[in-house]
Amino acid sequence: MTQYSEPLIVEITRIFKRDYNLVLSRDQALEYLDDLVDFFLAFYPLPSESARESRPPKAGGIPSPDLIYPHSC
């Protein structure tokens, strides 16, 4: 089981109470977080160490905000 911070667990239980009127136990919140992580990893798997090492470095870095949102003249 993955380790989660206590504030995250508290926030998950608060959201379920506020949005769904459900009271989760700490164990239920941990199970939900594990399921959520598994869901995201199914679609966005973490690259393996060897894949990270063989990938060429990215060139250019972060584009300038002016390139993303050009100013209107």
PDB file of N, CA and C in Angstrom:
ATOM      1  N   MET A   1       0.851  -1.180   0.000  1.00  0.00           N
ATOM      2  CA  MET A   1       0.000   0.000   0.000  1.00  0.00           C
ATOM      3  C   MET A   1       0.896   1.243   0.000  1.00  0.00           C
ATOM      4  N   THR A   2       0.509   2.226  -0.775  1.00  0.00           N
ATOM      5  CA  THR A   2       1.249   3.477  -0.879  1.00  0.00           C
ATOM      6  C   THR A   2       1.028   4.311   0.377  1.00  0.00           C
ATOM      7  N   GLN A   3       2.028   5.063   0.742  1.00  0.00           N
ATOM      8  CA  GLN A   3       1.910   5.969   1.889  1.00  0.00           C
ATOM      9  C   GLN A   3       1.350   7.305   1.421  1.00  0.00           C
ATOM     10  N   TYR A   4       0.316   7.801   2.081  1.00  0.00           N
ATOM     11  CA  TYR A   4      -0.283   9.088   1.750  1.00  0.00           C
ATOM     12  C   TYR A   4      -0.183   9.998   2.962  1.00  0.00           C
ATOM     13  N   SER A   5      -0.106  11.294   2.694  1.00  0.00           N
ATOM     14  CA  SER A   5      -0.016  12.242   3.796  1.00  0.00           C
ATOM     15  C   SER A   5      -1.365  12.328   4.510  1.00  0.00           C
ATOM     16  N   GLU A   6      -1.308  12.609   5.783  1.00  0.00           N
ATOM     17  CA  GLU A   6      -2.527  12.721   6.581  1.00  0.00           C
ATOM     18  C   GLU A   6      -3.453  13.830   6.067  1.00  0.00           C
ATOM     19  N   PRO A   7      -2.913  15.004   5.667  1.00  0.00           N
ATOM     20  CA  PRO A   7      -3.816  16.035   5.121  1.00  0.00           C
ATOM     21  C   PRO A   7      -4.566  15.576   3.868  1.00  0.00           C
ATOM     22  N   LEU A   8      -3.933  14.756   3.035  1.00  0.00           N
ATOM     23  CA  LEU A   8      -4.606  14.244   1.843  1.00  0.00           C
ATOM     24  C   LEU A   8      -5.754  13.311   2.230  1.00  0.00           C
ATOM     25  N   ILE A   9      -5.515  12.454   3.185  1.00  0.00           N
ATOM     26  CA  ILE A   9      -6.551  11.529   3.644  1.00  0.00           C
ATOM     27  C   ILE A   9      -7.734  12.308   4.231  1.00  0.00           C
ATOM     28  N   VAL A  10      -7.433  13.308   5.039  1.00  0.00           N
ATOM     29  CA  VAL A  10      -8.481  14.141   5.632  1.00  0.00           C
ATOM     30  C   VAL A  10      -9.264  14.870   4.539  1.00  0.00           C
ATOM     31  N   GLU A  11      -8.558  15.376   3.526  1.00  0.00           N
ATOM     32  CA  GLU A  11      -9.220  16.100   2.436  1.00  0.00           C
ATOM     33  C   GLU A  11     -10.144  15.174   1.641  1.00  0.00           C
ATOM     34  N   ILE A  12      -9.727  13.954   1.377  1.00  0.00           N
ATOM     35  CA  ILE A  12     -10.571  12.991   0.661  1.00  0.00           C
ATOM     36  C   ILE A  12     -11.846  12.716   1.455  1.00  0.00           C
ATOM     37  N   THR A  13     -11.716  12.496   2.746  1.00  0.00           N
ATOM     38  CA  THR A  13     -12.912  12.235   3.562  1.00  0.00           C
ATOM     39  C   THR A  13     -13.814  13.467   3.594  1.00  0.00           C
ATOM     40  N   ARG A  14     -13.236  14.662   3.625  1.00  0.00           N
ATOM     41  CA  ARG A  14     -14.019  15.895   3.635  1.00  0.00           C
ATOM     42  C   ARG A  14     -14.782  16.057   2.315  1.00  0.00           C
ATOM     43  N   ILE A  15     -14.119  15.777   1.198  1.00  0.00           N
ATOM     44  CA  ILE A  15     -14.763  15.904  -0.115  1.00  0.00           C
ATOM     45  C   ILE A  15     -15.928  14.924  -0.248  1.00  0.00           C
ATOM     46  N   PHE A  16     -15.723  13.683   0.189  1.00  0.00           N
ATOM     47  CA  PHE A  16     -16.809  12.713   0.109  1.00  0.00           C
ATOM     48  C   PHE A  16     -17.991  13.137   0.973  1.00  0.00           C
ATOM     49  N   LYS A  17     -17.730  13.686   2.138  1.00  0.00           N
ATOM     50  CA  LYS A  17     -18.809  14.146   3.015  1.00  0.00           C
ATOM     51  C   LYS A  17     -19.534  15.322   2.374  1.00  0.00           C
ATOM     52  N   ARG A  18     -18.778  16.291   1.835  1.00  0.00           N
ATOM     53  CA  ARG A  18     -19.368  17.496   1.248  1.00  0.00           C
ATOM     54  C   ARG A  18     -20.113  17.197  -0.046  1.00  0.00           C
ATOM     55  N   ASP A  19     -19.491  16.465  -0.966  1.00  0.00           N
ATOM     56  CA  ASP A  19     -20.054  16.281  -2.301  1.00  0.00           C
ATOM     57  C   ASP A  19     -21.038  15.109  -2.403  1.00  0.00           C
ATOM     58  N   TYR A  20     -20.830  14.068  -1.621  1.00  0.00           N
ATOM     59  CA  TYR A  20     -21.637  12.863  -1.759  1.00  0.00           C
ATOM     60  C   TYR A  20     -22.396  12.489  -0.491  1.00  0.00           C
ATOM     61  N   ASN A  21     -22.212  13.271   0.556  1.00  0.00           N
ATOM     62  CA  ASN A  21     -22.843  13.011   1.853  1.00  0.00           C
ATOM     63  C   ASN A  21     -22.515  11.599   2.353  1.00  0.00           C
ATOM     64  N   LEU A  22     -21.273  11.170   2.088  1.00  0.00           N
ATOM     65  CA  LEU A  22     -20.788   9.873   2.546  1.00  0.00           C
ATOM     66  C   LEU A  22     -19.668  10.076   3.546  1.00  0.00           C
ATOM     67  N   VAL A  23     -19.726   9.328   4.622  1.00  0.00           N
ATOM     68  CA  VAL A  23     -18.671   9.398   5.635  1.00  0.00           C
ATOM     69  C   VAL A  23     -17.749   8.200   5.424  1.00  0.00           C
ATOM     70  N   LEU A  24     -16.500   8.494   5.043  1.00  0.00           N
ATOM     71  CA  LEU A  24     -15.519   7.436   4.825  1.00  0.00           C
ATOM     72  C   LEU A  24     -14.667   7.239   6.072  1.00  0.00           C
ATOM     73  N   SER A  25     -14.354   5.997   6.350  1.00  0.00           N
ATOM     74  CA  SER A  25     -13.368   5.730   7.389  1.00  0.00           C
ATOM     75  C   SER A  25     -11.987   5.994   6.803  1.00  0.00           C
ATOM     76  N   ARG A  26     -10.993   6.026   7.653  1.00  0.00           N
ATOM     77  CA  ARG A  26      -9.623   6.237   7.179  1.00  0.00           C
ATOM     78  C   ARG A  26      -9.217   5.113   6.216  1.00  0.00           C
ATOM     79  N   ASP A  27      -9.588   3.873   6.552  1.00  0.00           N
ATOM     80  CA  ASP A  27      -9.263   2.734   5.682  1.00  0.00           C
ATOM     81  C   ASP A  27      -9.958   2.843   4.323  1.00  0.00           C
ATOM     82  N   GLN A  28     -11.205   3.306   4.308  1.00  0.00           N
ATOM     83  CA  GLN A  28     -11.913   3.478   3.043  1.00  0.00           C
ATOM     84  C   GLN A  28     -11.264   4.571   2.195  1.00  0.00           C
ATOM     85  N   ALA A  29     -10.819   5.653   2.846  1.00  0.00           N
ATOM     86  CA  ALA A  29     -10.139   6.728   2.120  1.00  0.00           C
ATOM     87  C   ALA A  29      -8.825   6.220   1.524  1.00  0.00           C
ATOM     88  N   LEU A  30      -8.085   5.418   2.269  1.00  0.00           N
ATOM     89  CA  LEU A  30      -6.831   4.847   1.763  1.00  0.00           C
ATOM     90  C   LEU A  30      -7.099   3.906   0.589  1.00  0.00           C
ATOM     91  N   GLU A  31      -8.144   3.102   0.685  1.00  0.00           N
ATOM     92  CA  GLU A  31      -8.496   2.195  -0.407  1.00  0.00           C
ATOM     93  C   GLU A  31      -8.899   2.992  -1.650  1.00  0.00           C
ATOM     94  N   TYR A  32      -9.657   4.072  -1.454  1.00  0.00           N
ATOM     95  CA  TYR A  32     -10.054   4.922  -2.579  1.00  0.00           C
ATOM     96  C   TYR A  32      -8.816   5.533  -3.247  1.00  0.00           C
ATOM     97  N   LEU A  33      -7.873   6.035  -2.454  1.00  0.00           N
ATOM     98  CA  LEU A  33      -6.654   6.625  -3.012  1.00  0.00           C
ATOM     99  C   LEU A  33      -5.842   5.592  -3.787  1.00  0.00           C
ATOM    100  N   ASP A  34      -5.736   4.378  -3.254  1.00  0.00           N
ATOM    101  CA  ASP A  34      -5.028   3.314  -3.972  1.00  0.00           C
ATOM    102  C   ASP A  34      -5.705   3.009  -5.304  1.00  0.00           C
ATOM    103  N   ASP A  35      -7.043   2.945  -5.303  1.00  0.00           N
ATOM    104  CA  ASP A  35      -7.779   2.687  -6.543  1.00  0.00           C
ATOM    105  C   ASP A  35      -7.591   3.826  -7.538  1.00  0.00           C
ATOM    106  N   LEU A  36      -7.576   5.052  -7.041  1.00  0.00           N
ATOM    107  CA  LEU A  36      -7.394   6.215  -7.901  1.00  0.00           C
ATOM    108  C   LEU A  36      -6.005   6.200  -8.548  1.00  0.00           C
ATOM    109  N   VAL A  37      -4.989   5.886  -7.777  1.00  0.00           N
ATOM    110  CA  VAL A  37      -3.622   5.796  -8.307  1.00  0.00           C
ATOM    111  C   VAL A  37      -3.536   4.674  -9.339  1.00  0.00           C
ATOM    112  N   ASP A  38      -4.137   3.523  -9.037  1.00  0.00           N
ATOM    113  CA  ASP A  38      -4.133   2.401  -9.997  1.00  0.00           C
ATOM    114  C   ASP A  38      -4.812   2.788 -11.303  1.00  0.00           C
ATOM    115  N   PHE A  39      -5.919   3.533 -11.210  1.00  0.00           N
ATOM    116  CA  PHE A  39      -6.636   3.982 -12.397  1.00  0.00           C
ATOM    117  C   PHE A  39      -5.752   4.861 -13.272  1.00  0.00           C
ATOM    118  N   PHE A  40      -5.096   5.843 -12.652  1.00  0.00           N
ATOM    119  CA  PHE A  40      -4.247   6.742 -13.429  1.00  0.00           C
ATOM    120  C   PHE A  40      -3.031   6.027 -13.996  1.00  0.00           C
ATOM    121  N   LEU A  41      -2.463   5.107 -13.253  1.00  0.00           N
ATOM    122  CA  LEU A  41      -1.306   4.375 -13.754  1.00  0.00           C
ATOM    123  C   LEU A  41      -1.681   3.453 -14.917  1.00  0.00           C
ATOM    124  N   ALA A  42      -2.939   3.023 -14.980  1.00  0.00           N
ATOM    125  CA  ALA A  42      -3.381   2.199 -16.104  1.00  0.00           C
ATOM    126  C   ALA A  42      -3.340   2.989 -17.409  1.00  0.00           C
ATOM    127  N   PHE A  43      -3.634   4.290 -17.327  1.00  0.00           N
ATOM    128  CA  PHE A  43      -3.642   5.130 -18.522  1.00  0.00           C
ATOM    129  C   PHE A  43      -2.335   5.888 -18.737  1.00  0.00           C
ATOM    130  N   TYR A  44      -1.648   6.186 -17.650  1.00  0.00           N
ATOM    131  CA  TYR A  44      -0.398   6.951 -17.723  1.00  0.00           C
ATOM    132  C   TYR A  44       0.681   6.229 -16.921  1.00  0.00           C
ATOM    133  N   PRO A  45       1.181   5.107 -17.446  1.00  0.00           N
ATOM    134  CA  PRO A  45       2.176   4.349 -16.682  1.00  0.00           C
ATOM    135  C   PRO A  45       3.470   5.143 -16.513  1.00  0.00           C
ATOM    136  N   LEU A  46       4.095   4.915 -15.390  1.00  0.00           N
ATOM    137  CA  LEU A  46       5.382   5.548 -15.140  1.00  0.00           C
ATOM    138  C   LEU A  46       6.424   4.902 -16.030  1.00  0.00           C
ATOM    139  N   PRO A  47       7.305   5.703 -16.624  1.00  0.00           N
ATOM    140  CA  PRO A  47       8.345   5.103 -17.463  1.00  0.00           C
ATOM    141  C   PRO A  47       9.327   4.313 -16.599  1.00  0.00           C
ATOM    142  N   SER A  48       9.842   3.257 -17.167  1.00  0.00           N
ATOM    143  CA  SER A  48      10.827   2.470 -16.436  1.00  0.00           C
ATOM    144  C   SER A  48      12.149   3.232 -16.414  1.00  0.00           C
ATOM    145  N   GLU A  49      13.038   2.833 -15.539  1.00  0.00           N
ATOM    146  CA  GLU A  49      14.349   3.486 -15.443  1.00  0.00           C
ATOM    147  C   GLU A  49      15.088   3.421 -16.774  1.00  0.00           C
ATOM    148  N   SER A  50      15.055   2.247 -17.421  1.00  0.00           N
ATOM    149  CA  SER A  50      15.795   2.108 -18.673  1.00  0.00           C
ATOM    150  C   SER A  50      15.194   2.999 -19.758  1.00  0.00           C
ATOM    151  N   ALA A  51      13.870   3.163 -19.763  1.00  0.00           N
ATOM    152  CA  ALA A  51      13.233   4.028 -20.760  1.00  0.00           C
ATOM    153  C   ALA A  51      13.617   5.485 -20.513  1.00  0.00           C
ATOM    154  N   ARG A  52      13.710   5.875 -19.239  1.00  0.00           N
ATOM    155  CA  ARG A  52      14.097   7.251 -18.921  1.00  0.00           C
ATOM    156  C   ARG A  52      15.529   7.532 -19.342  1.00  0.00           C
ATOM    157  N   GLU A  53      16.397   6.538 -19.181  1.00  0.00           N
ATOM    158  CA  GLU A  53      17.808   6.731 -19.524  1.00  0.00           C
ATOM    159  C   GLU A  53      18.022   6.762 -21.028  1.00  0.00           C
ATOM    160  N   SER A  54      17.221   6.019 -21.803  1.00  0.00           N
ATOM    161  CA  SER A  54      17.434   5.949 -23.239  1.00  0.00           C
ATOM    162  C   SER A  54      16.757   7.090 -24.001  1.00  0.00           C
ATOM    163  N   ARG A  55      15.888   7.815 -23.342  1.00  0.00           N
ATOM    164  CA  ARG A  55      15.175   8.907 -24.002  1.00  0.00           C
ATOM    165  C   ARG A  55      16.092  10.117 -24.146  1.00  0.00           C
ATOM    166  N   PRO A  56      16.117  10.758 -25.317  1.00  0.00           N
ATOM    167  CA  PRO A  56      16.969  11.946 -25.466  1.00  0.00           C
ATOM    168  C   PRO A  56      16.421  13.110 -24.635  1.00  0.00           C
ATOM    169  N   PRO A  57      17.279  14.000 -24.179  1.00  0.00           N
ATOM    170  CA  PRO A  57      16.805  15.139 -23.387  1.00  0.00           C
ATOM    171  C   PRO A  57      15.924  16.050 -24.236  1.00  0.00           C
ATOM    172  N   LYS A  58      14.969  16.687 -23.580  1.00  0.00           N
ATOM    173  CA  LYS A  58      14.088  17.615 -24.282  1.00  0.00           C
ATOM    174  C   LYS A  58      14.841  18.895 -24.596  1.00  0.00           C
ATOM    175  N   ALA A  59      14.607  19.432 -25.772  1.00  0.00           N
ATOM    176  CA  ALA A  59      15.245  20.677 -26.176  1.00  0.00           C
ATOM    177  C   ALA A  59      14.251  21.821 -26.039  1.00  0.00           C
ATOM    178  N   GLY A  60      14.743  22.975 -25.671  1.00  0.00           N
ATOM    179  CA  GLY A  60      13.895  24.164 -25.667  1.00  0.00           C
ATOM    180  C   GLY A  60      13.278  24.508 -24.338  1.00  0.00           C
ATOM    181  N   GLY A  61      12.925  23.545 -23.522  1.00  0.00           N
ATOM    182  CA  GLY A  61      12.316  23.849 -22.244  1.00  0.00           C
ATOM    183  C   GLY A  61      10.897  24.367 -22.382  1.00  0.00           C
ATOM    184  N   ILE A  62      10.499  25.196 -21.454  1.00  0.00           N
ATOM    185  CA  ILE A  62       9.142  25.739 -21.415  1.00  0.00           C
ATOM    186  C   ILE A  62       9.042  26.904 -22.390  1.00  0.00           C
ATOM    187  N   PRO A  63       8.010  26.912 -23.266  1.00  0.00           N
ATOM    188  CA  PRO A  63       7.877  28.020 -24.205  1.00  0.00           C
ATOM    189  C   PRO A  63       7.469  29.306 -23.488  1.00  0.00           C
ATOM    190  N   SER A  64       7.802  30.400 -24.106  1.00  0.00           N
ATOM    191  CA  SER A  64       7.450  31.705 -23.564  1.00  0.00           C
ATOM    192  C   SER A  64       5.933  31.864 -23.564  1.00  0.00           C
ATOM    193  N   PRO A  65       5.374  32.511 -22.531  1.00  0.00           N
ATOM    194  CA  PRO A  65       3.926  32.756 -22.516  1.00  0.00           C
ATOM    195  C   PRO A  65       3.469  33.539 -23.751  1.00  0.00           C
ATOM    196  N   ASP A  66       4.356  34.382 -24.330  1.00  0.00           N
ATOM    197  CA  ASP A  66       3.986  35.144 -25.528  1.00  0.00           C
ATOM    198  C   ASP A  66       3.745  34.228 -26.721  1.00  0.00           C
ATOM    199  N   LEU A  67       4.418  33.070 -26.742  1.00  0.00           N
ATOM    200  CA  LEU A  67       4.209  32.128 -27.827  1.00  0.00           C
ATOM    201  C   LEU A  67       2.897  31.370 -27.658  1.00  0.00           C
ATOM    202  N   ILE A  68       2.509  31.173 -26.414  1.00  0.00           N
ATOM    203  CA  ILE A  68       1.276  30.445 -26.134  1.00  0.00           C
ATOM    204  C   ILE A  68       0.059  31.361 -26.284  1.00  0.00           C
ATOM    205  N   TYR A  69       0.155  32.562 -25.707  1.00  0.00           N
ATOM    206  CA  TYR A  69      -0.937  33.530 -25.746  1.00  0.00           C
ATOM    207  C   TYR A  69      -0.417  34.829 -26.350  1.00  0.00           C
ATOM    208  N   PRO A  70      -0.352  34.927 -27.697  1.00  0.00           N
ATOM    209  CA  PRO A  70       0.177  36.151 -28.307  1.00  0.00           C
ATOM    210  C   PRO A  70      -0.698  37.358 -27.934  1.00  0.00           C
ATOM    211  N   HIS A  71      -0.029  38.475 -27.741  1.00  0.00           N
ATOM    212  CA  HIS A  71      -0.760  39.698 -27.401  1.00  0.00           C
ATOM    213  C   HIS A  71      -1.510  40.199 -28.620  1.00  0.00           C
ATOM    214  N   SER A  72      -2.727  40.645 -28.405  1.00  0.00           N
ATOM    215  CA  SER A  72      -3.480  41.213 -29.534  1.00  0.00           C
ATOM    216  C   SER A  72      -3.051  42.654 -29.740  1.00  0.00           C
ATOM    217  N   CYS A  73      -2.882  43.052 -30.986  1.00  0.00           N
ATOM    218  CA  CYS A  73      -2.421  44.405 -31.293  1.00  0.00           C
ATOM    219  C   CYS A  73      -3.572  45.311 -31.634  1.00  0.00           C
TER     220      CYS A  73
END
